[in-house]
Amino acid sequence: MDDFRYDVVWRRIRRDEYAKKLEGKFQFRYDRLAKLVNWGALSWLYAHATASKQAHHLGVEHNAMRFLSAGPPARSRHRASLRTAAHVLHWGHPPLSYQSAEGLLRAAHVKSEIRVVLETIVKEVIDFGSLKCDQPDHDGRCAPAVLEGERPFELYRWLAAWTVKDEWSRLWEAIVDAESAAGREAPKPRSRKRH
C-alpha cells in the first residue's frame, strides 16, 4: 500500500503506524469508505460532488495527527483514543450517507421493526460504553434525540460505535500494535465503569 494518500484539502498525507495497523486490520472497512460518496445523493445532481467518505476520513485522521503534534506533550497521552476515534468514526455511514440515515429514522416512525432495530443498536452501544445517554438526567439527550429524528446527522456515530463494539478485540489488538510499532508503550485496558 502506498505511504501517501490523497485528500482534497490536505493533499498528500503520509500513512503513519496507526493508519498502517488500523487500515491493515480493517481493510474491508477502509475500502468501503472509498465507495461512499461524501455528499450522498447530491453527487447525482452535481458532477463535482464526488469526494468519497474515505477522502474525508483521511482528512479527519490528518487533523487528529496535527492536533496531537501541535499541542503540549500532555496531549500525547490521548493519542491512542483520539487516533482510534478518528479512524473508526466514519465506519457507521450507510450508503448515501446522511440521506440514508434520515430515511432510516423516518422509517422508524412508521415501521416498528425498524424502530426496534435502531433502539437495540443504541442500547447496545450505551451498555458497551457504560454511557449515561439513556438516563433522564443526562444533559445531552443524545440517544433520545437521535432516535426521535431530531439529530439525524448523528446516527452514523451510533452505527460506528455499534460496529466498534463488535470489532473491539481486533481493534484493541490493532491499537496495541500501532503504539508498539511507533515505539510507545502499549495502552493498558481500563476497567469499565459508567461515565
N, C-alpha and C. Protein backbone atom coordinates (compact mmCIF):
# COMPACT_ATOMS: atom_id res chain seq x y z
N MET A 1 0.85 -1.17 0.00
CA MET A 1 0.00 0.00 0.00
C MET A 1 0.90 1.24 0.00
N ASP A 2 0.55 2.24 -0.75
CA ASP A 2 1.30 3.48 -0.88
C ASP A 2 1.42 4.18 0.48
N ASP A 3 2.58 4.79 0.75
CA ASP A 3 2.77 5.50 2.01
C ASP A 3 2.10 6.87 2.02
N PHE A 4 1.62 7.33 0.87
CA PHE A 4 0.91 8.60 0.80
C PHE A 4 -0.51 8.36 0.32
N ARG A 5 -1.44 9.09 0.89
CA ARG A 5 -2.82 9.07 0.44
C ARG A 5 -3.20 10.50 0.07
N TYR A 6 -4.25 10.65 -0.68
CA TYR A 6 -4.64 11.95 -1.18
C TYR A 6 -5.94 12.43 -0.53
N ASP A 7 -5.95 13.67 -0.12
CA ASP A 7 -7.14 14.33 0.42
C ASP A 7 -7.26 15.67 -0.29
N VAL A 8 -8.48 16.08 -0.63
CA VAL A 8 -8.68 17.31 -1.41
C VAL A 8 -8.26 18.55 -0.64
N VAL A 9 -8.30 18.52 0.67
CA VAL A 9 -7.90 19.69 1.47
C VAL A 9 -6.42 19.65 1.79
N TRP A 10 -5.93 18.54 2.33
CA TRP A 10 -4.55 18.43 2.80
C TRP A 10 -3.59 17.92 1.74
N ARG A 11 -4.10 17.52 0.60
CA ARG A 11 -3.31 16.96 -0.49
C ARG A 11 -2.68 15.63 -0.08
N ARG A 12 -1.37 15.57 -0.03
CA ARG A 12 -0.69 14.30 0.27
C ARG A 12 -0.58 14.11 1.78
N ILE A 13 -1.06 12.97 2.24
CA ILE A 13 -1.00 12.65 3.67
C ILE A 13 -0.19 11.36 3.81
N ARG A 14 0.85 11.44 4.62
CA ARG A 14 1.69 10.25 4.82
C ARG A 14 1.00 9.30 5.80
N ARG A 15 1.02 8.02 5.46
CA ARG A 15 0.49 6.99 6.36
C ARG A 15 1.47 6.77 7.50
N ASP A 16 0.99 6.82 8.72
CA ASP A 16 1.84 6.52 9.86
C ASP A 16 1.49 5.12 10.38
N GLU A 17 2.08 4.75 11.51
CA GLU A 17 1.87 3.40 12.05
C GLU A 17 0.41 3.14 12.39
N TYR A 18 -0.28 4.15 12.91
CA TYR A 18 -1.69 3.94 13.23
C TYR A 18 -2.49 3.60 11.98
N ALA A 19 -2.28 4.41 10.95
CA ALA A 19 -3.01 4.17 9.70
C ALA A 19 -2.67 2.78 9.15
N LYS A 20 -1.40 2.43 9.16
CA LYS A 20 -0.99 1.13 8.62
C LYS A 20 -1.64 -0.02 9.39
N LYS A 21 -1.60 0.07 10.72
CA LYS A 21 -2.14 -1.02 11.54
C LYS A 21 -3.67 -1.09 11.45
N LEU A 22 -4.33 0.06 11.56
CA LEU A 22 -5.79 0.07 11.54
C LEU A 22 -6.34 -0.26 10.16
N GLU A 23 -5.75 0.32 9.12
CA GLU A 23 -6.21 0.00 7.77
C GLU A 23 -5.90 -1.45 7.42
N GLY A 24 -4.75 -1.94 7.86
CA GLY A 24 -4.39 -3.33 7.58
C GLY A 24 -5.33 -4.32 8.25
N LYS A 25 -5.68 -4.04 9.48
CA LYS A 25 -6.55 -4.96 10.24
C LYS A 25 -7.99 -4.87 9.78
N PHE A 26 -8.39 -3.68 9.28
CA PHE A 26 -9.78 -3.46 8.88
C PHE A 26 -9.86 -2.96 7.44
N GLN A 27 -9.16 -3.67 6.56
CA GLN A 27 -9.09 -3.26 5.15
C GLN A 27 -10.48 -3.14 4.51
N PHE A 28 -11.36 -4.06 4.83
CA PHE A 28 -12.71 -4.02 4.26
C PHE A 28 -13.41 -2.71 4.63
N ARG A 29 -13.32 -2.31 5.87
CA ARG A 29 -13.99 -1.08 6.32
C ARG A 29 -13.37 0.15 5.66
N TYR A 30 -12.05 0.15 5.55
CA TYR A 30 -11.36 1.26 4.90
C TYR A 30 -11.74 1.34 3.42
N ASP A 31 -11.73 0.21 2.74
CA ASP A 31 -12.08 0.19 1.31
C ASP A 31 -13.54 0.58 1.09
N ARG A 32 -14.41 0.21 2.01
CA ARG A 32 -15.84 0.54 1.89
C ARG A 32 -16.04 2.06 1.84
N LEU A 33 -15.23 2.80 2.60
CA LEU A 33 -15.36 4.26 2.61
C LEU A 33 -15.07 4.87 1.24
N ALA A 34 -14.24 4.21 0.44
CA ALA A 34 -13.93 4.71 -0.90
C ALA A 34 -15.14 4.61 -1.82
N LYS A 35 -16.07 3.73 -1.50
CA LYS A 35 -17.26 3.54 -2.33
C LYS A 35 -18.43 4.43 -1.91
N LEU A 36 -18.28 5.12 -0.78
CA LEU A 36 -19.36 6.00 -0.31
C LEU A 36 -19.03 7.44 -0.69
N VAL A 37 -19.96 8.09 -1.36
CA VAL A 37 -19.76 9.49 -1.75
C VAL A 37 -20.08 10.36 -0.54
N ASN A 38 -19.16 11.25 -0.21
CA ASN A 38 -19.31 12.10 0.97
C ASN A 38 -20.58 12.95 0.90
N TRP A 39 -20.98 13.31 -0.28
CA TRP A 39 -22.15 14.19 -0.44
C TRP A 39 -23.44 13.44 -0.68
N GLY A 40 -23.39 12.11 -0.60
CA GLY A 40 -24.61 11.32 -0.75
C GLY A 40 -25.26 11.54 -2.11
N ALA A 41 -26.57 11.72 -2.09
CA ALA A 41 -27.35 11.86 -3.33
C ALA A 41 -27.05 13.15 -4.08
N LEU A 42 -26.43 14.12 -3.43
CA LEU A 42 -26.08 15.36 -4.14
C LEU A 42 -25.14 15.09 -5.31
N SER A 43 -24.39 14.00 -5.22
CA SER A 43 -23.47 13.67 -6.31
C SER A 43 -24.24 13.33 -7.58
N TRP A 44 -25.51 12.97 -7.47
CA TRP A 44 -26.32 12.71 -8.64
C TRP A 44 -26.71 14.01 -9.35
N LEU A 45 -26.72 15.10 -8.59
CA LEU A 45 -27.12 16.40 -9.15
C LEU A 45 -25.93 17.25 -9.57
N TYR A 46 -24.84 17.14 -8.83
CA TYR A 46 -23.68 17.98 -9.09
C TYR A 46 -22.48 17.11 -9.42
N ALA A 47 -22.01 17.24 -10.64
CA ALA A 47 -20.93 16.37 -11.11
C ALA A 47 -19.65 16.53 -10.29
N HIS A 48 -19.44 17.69 -9.69
CA HIS A 48 -18.21 17.93 -8.93
C HIS A 48 -18.28 17.43 -7.48
N ALA A 49 -19.43 16.96 -7.03
CA ALA A 49 -19.59 16.49 -5.65
C ALA A 49 -19.24 15.00 -5.57
N THR A 50 -17.97 14.71 -5.77
CA THR A 50 -17.55 13.31 -5.88
C THR A 50 -16.60 12.85 -4.78
N ALA A 51 -16.24 13.70 -3.85
CA ALA A 51 -15.31 13.29 -2.80
C ALA A 51 -15.89 12.10 -2.03
N SER A 52 -15.06 11.14 -1.76
CA SER A 52 -15.52 9.95 -1.04
C SER A 52 -15.45 10.15 0.47
N LYS A 53 -16.14 9.29 1.18
CA LYS A 53 -16.03 9.28 2.65
C LYS A 53 -14.60 8.93 3.04
N GLN A 54 -13.92 8.13 2.22
CA GLN A 54 -12.55 7.78 2.52
C GLN A 54 -11.66 9.03 2.49
N ALA A 55 -11.84 9.89 1.49
CA ALA A 55 -11.06 11.13 1.43
C ALA A 55 -11.34 12.00 2.66
N HIS A 56 -12.60 12.10 3.03
CA HIS A 56 -12.97 12.86 4.23
C HIS A 56 -12.34 12.22 5.47
N HIS A 57 -12.39 10.91 5.55
CA HIS A 57 -11.80 10.15 6.65
C HIS A 57 -10.31 10.45 6.77
N LEU A 58 -9.60 10.48 5.64
CA LEU A 58 -8.16 10.78 5.66
C LEU A 58 -7.90 12.17 6.22
N GLY A 59 -8.75 13.13 5.85
CA GLY A 59 -8.60 14.48 6.38
C GLY A 59 -8.84 14.54 7.88
N VAL A 60 -9.84 13.82 8.36
CA VAL A 60 -10.12 13.78 9.80
C VAL A 60 -8.94 13.17 10.55
N GLU A 61 -8.40 12.07 10.03
CA GLU A 61 -7.23 11.46 10.67
C GLU A 61 -6.04 12.41 10.66
N HIS A 62 -5.84 13.10 9.55
CA HIS A 62 -4.73 14.05 9.45
C HIS A 62 -4.90 15.17 10.48
N ASN A 63 -6.11 15.68 10.63
CA ASN A 63 -6.36 16.72 11.63
C ASN A 63 -6.07 16.21 13.04
N ALA A 64 -6.43 14.97 13.32
CA ALA A 64 -6.12 14.38 14.63
C ALA A 64 -4.61 14.32 14.85
N MET A 65 -3.87 13.93 13.83
CA MET A 65 -2.40 13.88 13.95
C MET A 65 -1.83 15.27 14.19
N ARG A 66 -2.33 16.26 13.46
CA ARG A 66 -1.84 17.64 13.63
C ARG A 66 -2.17 18.17 15.02
N PHE A 67 -3.37 17.87 15.50
CA PHE A 67 -3.77 18.31 16.84
C PHE A 67 -2.83 17.73 17.89
N LEU A 68 -2.53 16.44 17.76
CA LEU A 68 -1.66 15.79 18.73
C LEU A 68 -0.23 16.32 18.68
N SER A 69 0.26 16.61 17.49
CA SER A 69 1.65 17.03 17.37
C SER A 69 1.85 18.53 17.65
N ALA A 70 0.80 19.33 17.54
CA ALA A 70 0.95 20.77 17.71
C ALA A 70 0.77 21.25 19.14
N GLY A 71 0.29 20.39 19.99
CA GLY A 71 -0.03 20.82 21.34
C GLY A 71 1.05 20.47 22.34
N PRO A 72 0.72 20.70 23.60
CA PRO A 72 1.66 20.35 24.67
C PRO A 72 1.87 18.83 24.73
N PRO A 73 3.01 18.40 25.25
CA PRO A 73 3.28 16.96 25.32
C PRO A 73 2.22 16.16 26.06
N ALA A 74 1.50 16.79 26.96
CA ALA A 74 0.46 16.08 27.71
C ALA A 74 -0.63 15.51 26.79
N ARG A 75 -0.78 16.11 25.60
CA ARG A 75 -1.78 15.59 24.66
C ARG A 75 -1.47 14.18 24.21
N SER A 76 -0.22 13.83 24.21
CA SER A 76 0.16 12.52 23.68
C SER A 76 -0.45 11.38 24.48
N ARG A 77 -0.83 11.62 25.72
CA ARG A 77 -1.45 10.54 26.49
C ARG A 77 -2.83 10.15 25.92
N HIS A 78 -3.39 11.02 25.08
CA HIS A 78 -4.68 10.74 24.45
C HIS A 78 -4.52 10.20 23.02
N ARG A 79 -3.28 9.95 22.61
CA ARG A 79 -3.02 9.56 21.23
C ARG A 79 -3.84 8.33 20.82
N ALA A 80 -3.79 7.30 21.62
CA ALA A 80 -4.48 6.06 21.23
C ALA A 80 -5.98 6.28 21.06
N SER A 81 -6.61 6.98 22.00
CA SER A 81 -8.07 7.16 21.90
C SER A 81 -8.43 8.12 20.77
N LEU A 82 -7.69 9.21 20.60
CA LEU A 82 -8.04 10.18 19.56
C LEU A 82 -7.79 9.61 18.16
N ARG A 83 -6.67 8.95 17.97
CA ARG A 83 -6.38 8.37 16.66
C ARG A 83 -7.38 7.27 16.31
N THR A 84 -7.73 6.45 17.30
CA THR A 84 -8.70 5.38 17.05
C THR A 84 -10.06 5.97 16.72
N ALA A 85 -10.49 6.96 17.50
CA ALA A 85 -11.79 7.60 17.24
C ALA A 85 -11.81 8.22 15.84
N ALA A 86 -10.73 8.88 15.45
CA ALA A 86 -10.67 9.48 14.11
C ALA A 86 -10.76 8.40 13.03
N HIS A 87 -10.18 7.24 13.33
CA HIS A 87 -10.18 6.18 12.32
C HIS A 87 -11.54 5.49 12.17
N VAL A 88 -12.22 5.25 13.27
CA VAL A 88 -13.45 4.45 13.21
C VAL A 88 -14.71 5.30 13.06
N LEU A 89 -14.60 6.60 13.20
CA LEU A 89 -15.77 7.48 13.21
C LEU A 89 -16.70 7.28 12.01
N HIS A 90 -16.14 7.08 10.84
CA HIS A 90 -16.97 7.03 9.63
C HIS A 90 -17.41 5.62 9.24
N TRP A 91 -17.04 4.63 10.03
CA TRP A 91 -17.46 3.25 9.72
C TRP A 91 -18.97 3.10 9.70
N GLY A 92 -19.68 3.95 10.39
CA GLY A 92 -21.13 3.79 10.52
C GLY A 92 -21.97 4.43 9.42
N HIS A 93 -21.34 5.08 8.46
CA HIS A 93 -22.13 5.73 7.42
C HIS A 93 -22.83 4.71 6.53
N PRO A 94 -24.14 4.82 6.41
CA PRO A 94 -24.84 3.95 5.45
C PRO A 94 -24.64 4.48 4.03
N PRO A 95 -24.98 3.71 3.01
CA PRO A 95 -24.93 4.24 1.64
C PRO A 95 -25.75 5.52 1.55
N LEU A 96 -25.30 6.44 0.75
CA LEU A 96 -25.90 7.77 0.59
C LEU A 96 -25.80 8.60 1.88
N SER A 97 -25.01 8.11 2.79
CA SER A 97 -24.62 8.86 3.98
C SER A 97 -25.80 9.41 4.77
N TYR A 98 -25.86 10.73 4.91
CA TYR A 98 -26.87 11.35 5.78
C TYR A 98 -28.30 11.18 5.26
N GLN A 99 -28.46 11.11 3.95
CA GLN A 99 -29.80 10.91 3.42
C GLN A 99 -30.35 9.55 3.84
N SER A 100 -29.51 8.52 3.82
CA SER A 100 -29.95 7.20 4.27
C SER A 100 -30.23 7.19 5.76
N ALA A 101 -29.39 7.88 6.52
CA ALA A 101 -29.60 7.93 7.97
C ALA A 101 -30.94 8.58 8.28
N GLU A 102 -31.23 9.68 7.62
CA GLU A 102 -32.51 10.33 7.85
C GLU A 102 -33.66 9.44 7.40
N GLY A 103 -33.48 8.74 6.29
CA GLY A 103 -34.50 7.82 5.81
C GLY A 103 -34.77 6.70 6.81
N LEU A 104 -33.70 6.16 7.41
CA LEU A 104 -33.87 5.12 8.43
C LEU A 104 -34.66 5.64 9.63
N LEU A 105 -34.32 6.84 10.06
CA LEU A 105 -35.01 7.41 11.23
C LEU A 105 -36.48 7.72 10.92
N ARG A 106 -36.75 8.18 9.71
CA ARG A 106 -38.14 8.42 9.32
C ARG A 106 -38.91 7.11 9.23
N ALA A 107 -38.26 6.10 8.68
CA ALA A 107 -38.91 4.79 8.56
C ALA A 107 -39.20 4.21 9.95
N ALA A 108 -38.35 4.51 10.91
CA ALA A 108 -38.55 4.00 12.28
C ALA A 108 -39.81 4.58 12.92
N HIS A 109 -40.28 5.71 12.41
CA HIS A 109 -41.51 6.31 12.95
C HIS A 109 -42.78 5.62 12.43
N VAL A 110 -42.63 4.92 11.31
CA VAL A 110 -43.81 4.26 10.73
C VAL A 110 -43.70 2.74 10.73
N LYS A 111 -42.54 2.21 10.95
CA LYS A 111 -42.32 0.76 10.91
C LYS A 111 -41.66 0.34 12.23
N SER A 112 -42.43 -0.33 13.06
CA SER A 112 -41.94 -0.68 14.41
C SER A 112 -40.71 -1.58 14.36
N GLU A 113 -40.59 -2.44 13.35
CA GLU A 113 -39.44 -3.33 13.27
C GLU A 113 -38.13 -2.54 13.12
N ILE A 114 -38.19 -1.48 12.34
CA ILE A 114 -37.00 -0.64 12.15
C ILE A 114 -36.69 0.11 13.44
N ARG A 115 -37.71 0.59 14.09
CA ARG A 115 -37.51 1.29 15.37
C ARG A 115 -36.85 0.37 16.39
N VAL A 116 -37.31 -0.87 16.46
CA VAL A 116 -36.73 -1.83 17.41
C VAL A 116 -35.25 -2.07 17.10
N VAL A 117 -34.92 -2.21 15.85
CA VAL A 117 -33.52 -2.42 15.46
C VAL A 117 -32.67 -1.23 15.89
N LEU A 118 -33.11 -0.01 15.59
CA LEU A 118 -32.34 1.18 15.96
C LEU A 118 -32.24 1.34 17.47
N GLU A 119 -33.32 1.08 18.18
CA GLU A 119 -33.29 1.16 19.65
C GLU A 119 -32.33 0.13 20.23
N THR A 120 -32.29 -1.06 19.65
CA THR A 120 -31.39 -2.11 20.10
C THR A 120 -29.94 -1.70 19.88
N ILE A 121 -29.65 -1.13 18.72
CA ILE A 121 -28.29 -0.67 18.42
C ILE A 121 -27.85 0.37 19.45
N VAL A 122 -28.70 1.37 19.70
CA VAL A 122 -28.36 2.43 20.65
C VAL A 122 -28.18 1.85 22.05
N LYS A 123 -29.05 0.96 22.46
CA LYS A 123 -28.94 0.36 23.79
C LYS A 123 -27.65 -0.44 23.92
N GLU A 124 -27.29 -1.21 22.90
CA GLU A 124 -26.06 -2.00 22.95
C GLU A 124 -24.83 -1.10 23.05
N VAL A 125 -24.85 0.04 22.35
CA VAL A 125 -23.73 0.98 22.42
C VAL A 125 -23.64 1.58 23.82
N ILE A 126 -24.78 1.98 24.37
CA ILE A 126 -24.80 2.55 25.72
C ILE A 126 -24.27 1.55 26.74
N ASP A 127 -24.72 0.31 26.63
CA ASP A 127 -24.25 -0.73 27.56
C ASP A 127 -22.76 -1.01 27.38
N PHE A 128 -22.31 -1.13 26.15
CA PHE A 128 -20.91 -1.44 25.87
C PHE A 128 -20.00 -0.32 26.39
N GLY A 129 -20.39 0.92 26.15
CA GLY A 129 -19.57 2.05 26.56
C GLY A 129 -19.81 2.52 27.97
N SER A 130 -20.70 1.86 28.69
CA SER A 130 -21.07 2.28 30.05
C SER A 130 -21.44 3.76 30.06
N LEU A 131 -22.26 4.15 29.12
CA LEU A 131 -22.67 5.55 28.96
C LEU A 131 -23.94 5.85 29.75
N LYS A 132 -24.18 7.13 29.96
CA LYS A 132 -25.39 7.55 30.67
C LYS A 132 -26.41 8.19 29.72
N CYS A 133 -26.24 7.97 28.44
CA CYS A 133 -27.08 8.63 27.44
C CYS A 133 -28.57 8.33 27.58
N ASP A 134 -28.90 7.23 28.19
CA ASP A 134 -30.31 6.86 28.34
C ASP A 134 -30.90 7.31 29.68
N GLN A 135 -30.09 7.98 30.50
CA GLN A 135 -30.56 8.44 31.81
C GLN A 135 -31.33 9.75 31.67
N PRO A 136 -32.42 9.94 32.40
CA PRO A 136 -33.22 11.16 32.27
C PRO A 136 -32.46 12.43 32.66
N ASP A 137 -31.44 12.30 33.52
CA ASP A 137 -30.69 13.49 33.94
C ASP A 137 -29.49 13.78 33.04
N HIS A 138 -29.33 13.01 31.96
CA HIS A 138 -28.23 13.24 31.02
C HIS A 138 -28.54 14.49 30.20
N ASP A 139 -27.70 15.50 30.31
CA ASP A 139 -27.96 16.80 29.67
C ASP A 139 -28.05 16.71 28.15
N GLY A 140 -27.23 15.88 27.55
CA GLY A 140 -27.15 15.86 26.09
C GLY A 140 -28.37 15.31 25.38
N ARG A 141 -29.17 14.47 26.06
CA ARG A 141 -30.31 13.82 25.41
C ARG A 141 -29.89 13.18 24.08
N CYS A 142 -28.64 12.76 23.97
CA CYS A 142 -28.14 12.30 22.67
C CYS A 142 -28.88 11.07 22.13
N ALA A 143 -29.11 10.07 22.96
CA ALA A 143 -29.78 8.86 22.46
C ALA A 143 -31.24 9.15 22.07
N PRO A 144 -32.04 9.74 22.94
CA PRO A 144 -33.43 10.02 22.55
C PRO A 144 -33.53 10.98 21.36
N ALA A 145 -32.63 11.96 21.31
CA ALA A 145 -32.67 12.93 20.21
C ALA A 145 -32.41 12.26 18.86
N VAL A 146 -31.47 11.33 18.83
CA VAL A 146 -31.19 10.62 17.58
C VAL A 146 -32.38 9.74 17.22
N LEU A 147 -32.87 8.96 18.17
CA LEU A 147 -33.97 8.03 17.88
C LEU A 147 -35.26 8.74 17.48
N GLU A 148 -35.47 9.93 18.00
CA GLU A 148 -36.67 10.69 17.64
C GLU A 148 -36.50 11.43 16.32
N GLY A 149 -35.31 11.39 15.74
CA GLY A 149 -35.07 12.05 14.45
C GLY A 149 -34.69 13.51 14.58
N GLU A 150 -34.45 13.99 15.80
CA GLU A 150 -34.06 15.38 15.99
C GLU A 150 -32.63 15.64 15.52
N ARG A 151 -31.80 14.61 15.55
CA ARG A 151 -30.39 14.74 15.14
C ARG A 151 -30.03 13.63 14.16
N PRO A 152 -30.59 13.67 12.97
CA PRO A 152 -30.32 12.57 12.02
C PRO A 152 -28.86 12.48 11.60
N PHE A 153 -28.14 13.59 11.67
CA PHE A 153 -26.74 13.57 11.22
C PHE A 153 -25.81 12.92 12.24
N GLU A 154 -26.35 12.49 13.36
CA GLU A 154 -25.53 11.81 14.36
C GLU A 154 -25.73 10.30 14.37
N LEU A 155 -26.66 9.79 13.59
CA LEU A 155 -26.93 8.35 13.59
C LEU A 155 -25.68 7.55 13.21
N TYR A 156 -24.90 8.05 12.25
CA TYR A 156 -23.72 7.29 11.82
C TYR A 156 -22.75 7.06 12.96
N ARG A 157 -22.69 7.98 13.92
CA ARG A 157 -21.79 7.80 15.07
C ARG A 157 -22.22 6.61 15.92
N TRP A 158 -23.53 6.47 16.09
CA TRP A 158 -24.04 5.33 16.85
C TRP A 158 -23.79 4.03 16.10
N LEU A 159 -23.97 4.07 14.77
CA LEU A 159 -23.71 2.88 13.96
C LEU A 159 -22.23 2.52 13.98
N ALA A 160 -21.36 3.54 13.97
CA ALA A 160 -19.92 3.29 14.06
C ALA A 160 -19.56 2.68 15.41
N ALA A 161 -20.13 3.23 16.48
CA ALA A 161 -19.86 2.70 17.82
C ALA A 161 -20.35 1.26 17.96
N TRP A 162 -21.47 0.98 17.32
CA TRP A 162 -22.01 -0.38 17.35
C TRP A 162 -21.07 -1.34 16.62
N THR A 163 -20.49 -0.89 15.52
CA THR A 163 -19.51 -1.69 14.79
C THR A 163 -18.26 -1.90 15.64
N VAL A 164 -17.81 -0.84 16.30
CA VAL A 164 -16.65 -0.94 17.18
C VAL A 164 -16.90 -1.98 18.28
N LYS A 165 -18.10 -1.97 18.82
CA LYS A 165 -18.46 -2.94 19.87
C LYS A 165 -18.21 -4.37 19.37
N ASP A 166 -18.63 -4.64 18.15
CA ASP A 166 -18.47 -5.99 17.60
C ASP A 166 -17.02 -6.30 17.21
N GLU A 167 -16.24 -5.28 16.94
CA GLU A 167 -14.85 -5.46 16.49
C GLU A 167 -13.85 -5.17 17.61
N TRP A 168 -14.33 -4.98 18.84
CA TRP A 168 -13.47 -4.44 19.89
C TRP A 168 -12.19 -5.22 20.11
N SER A 169 -12.22 -6.54 20.17
CA SER A 169 -11.00 -7.29 20.46
C SER A 169 -9.96 -7.10 19.35
N ARG A 170 -10.40 -7.12 18.11
CA ARG A 170 -9.47 -6.89 16.99
C ARG A 170 -8.98 -5.45 16.98
N LEU A 171 -9.86 -4.52 17.32
CA LEU A 171 -9.49 -3.10 17.34
C LEU A 171 -8.46 -2.85 18.44
N TRP A 172 -8.69 -3.40 19.61
CA TRP A 172 -7.73 -3.22 20.71
C TRP A 172 -6.36 -3.78 20.32
N GLU A 173 -6.36 -4.93 19.67
CA GLU A 173 -5.11 -5.53 19.20
C GLU A 173 -4.39 -4.60 18.24
N ALA A 174 -5.14 -3.96 17.33
CA ALA A 174 -4.54 -3.02 16.37
C ALA A 174 -3.98 -1.78 17.08
N ILE A 175 -4.68 -1.30 18.10
CA ILE A 175 -4.21 -0.14 18.86
C ILE A 175 -2.89 -0.47 19.56
N VAL A 176 -2.84 -1.61 20.22
CA VAL A 176 -1.62 -2.03 20.91
C VAL A 176 -0.48 -2.18 19.90
N ASP A 177 -0.76 -2.81 18.76
CA ASP A 177 0.26 -2.97 17.71
C ASP A 177 0.75 -1.62 17.19
N ALA A 178 -0.17 -0.68 16.99
CA ALA A 178 0.21 0.64 16.46
C ALA A 178 1.08 1.40 17.46
N GLU A 179 0.73 1.36 18.72
CA GLU A 179 1.53 2.04 19.75
C GLU A 179 2.92 1.41 19.82
N SER A 180 2.98 0.10 19.81
CA SER A 180 4.27 -0.60 19.88
C SER A 180 5.12 -0.30 18.65
N ALA A 181 4.51 -0.32 17.46
CA ALA A 181 5.24 -0.05 16.22
C ALA A 181 5.77 1.37 16.18
N ALA A 182 5.09 2.29 16.86
CA ALA A 182 5.54 3.68 16.90
C ALA A 182 6.55 3.92 18.02
N GLY A 183 6.92 2.84 18.73
CA GLY A 183 7.92 2.97 19.78
C GLY A 183 7.38 3.50 21.10
N ARG A 184 6.06 3.45 21.26
CA ARG A 184 5.46 3.92 22.51
C ARG A 184 4.98 2.73 23.33
N GLU A 185 4.76 2.99 24.60
CA GLU A 185 4.24 1.94 25.47
C GLU A 185 2.80 1.63 25.09
N ALA A 186 2.48 0.37 25.03
CA ALA A 186 1.12 -0.04 24.68
C ALA A 186 0.14 0.41 25.76
N PRO A 187 -1.02 0.88 25.36
CA PRO A 187 -2.01 1.30 26.37
C PRO A 187 -2.51 0.12 27.17
N LYS A 188 -2.91 0.41 28.38
CA LYS A 188 -3.45 -0.63 29.27
C LYS A 188 -4.96 -0.54 29.26
N PRO A 189 -5.64 -1.69 29.23
CA PRO A 189 -7.10 -1.65 29.28
C PRO A 189 -7.57 -1.08 30.62
N ARG A 190 -8.63 -0.31 30.57
CA ARG A 190 -9.20 0.27 31.78
C ARG A 190 -10.43 -0.51 32.20
N SER A 191 -10.76 -0.38 33.46
CA SER A 191 -11.99 -1.04 33.92
C SER A 191 -13.18 -0.33 33.31
N ARG A 192 -14.25 -1.04 33.10
CA ARG A 192 -15.45 -0.47 32.50
C ARG A 192 -16.35 0.03 33.61
N LYS A 193 -16.50 1.35 33.69
CA LYS A 193 -17.41 1.92 34.67
C LYS A 193 -18.23 3.00 34.01
N ARG A 194 -19.35 3.33 34.58
CA ARG A 194 -20.24 4.33 33.99
C ARG A 194 -19.62 5.70 34.09
N HIS A 195 -19.70 6.45 32.97
CA HIS A 195 -19.16 7.80 32.91
C HIS A 195 -20.25 8.81 33.13
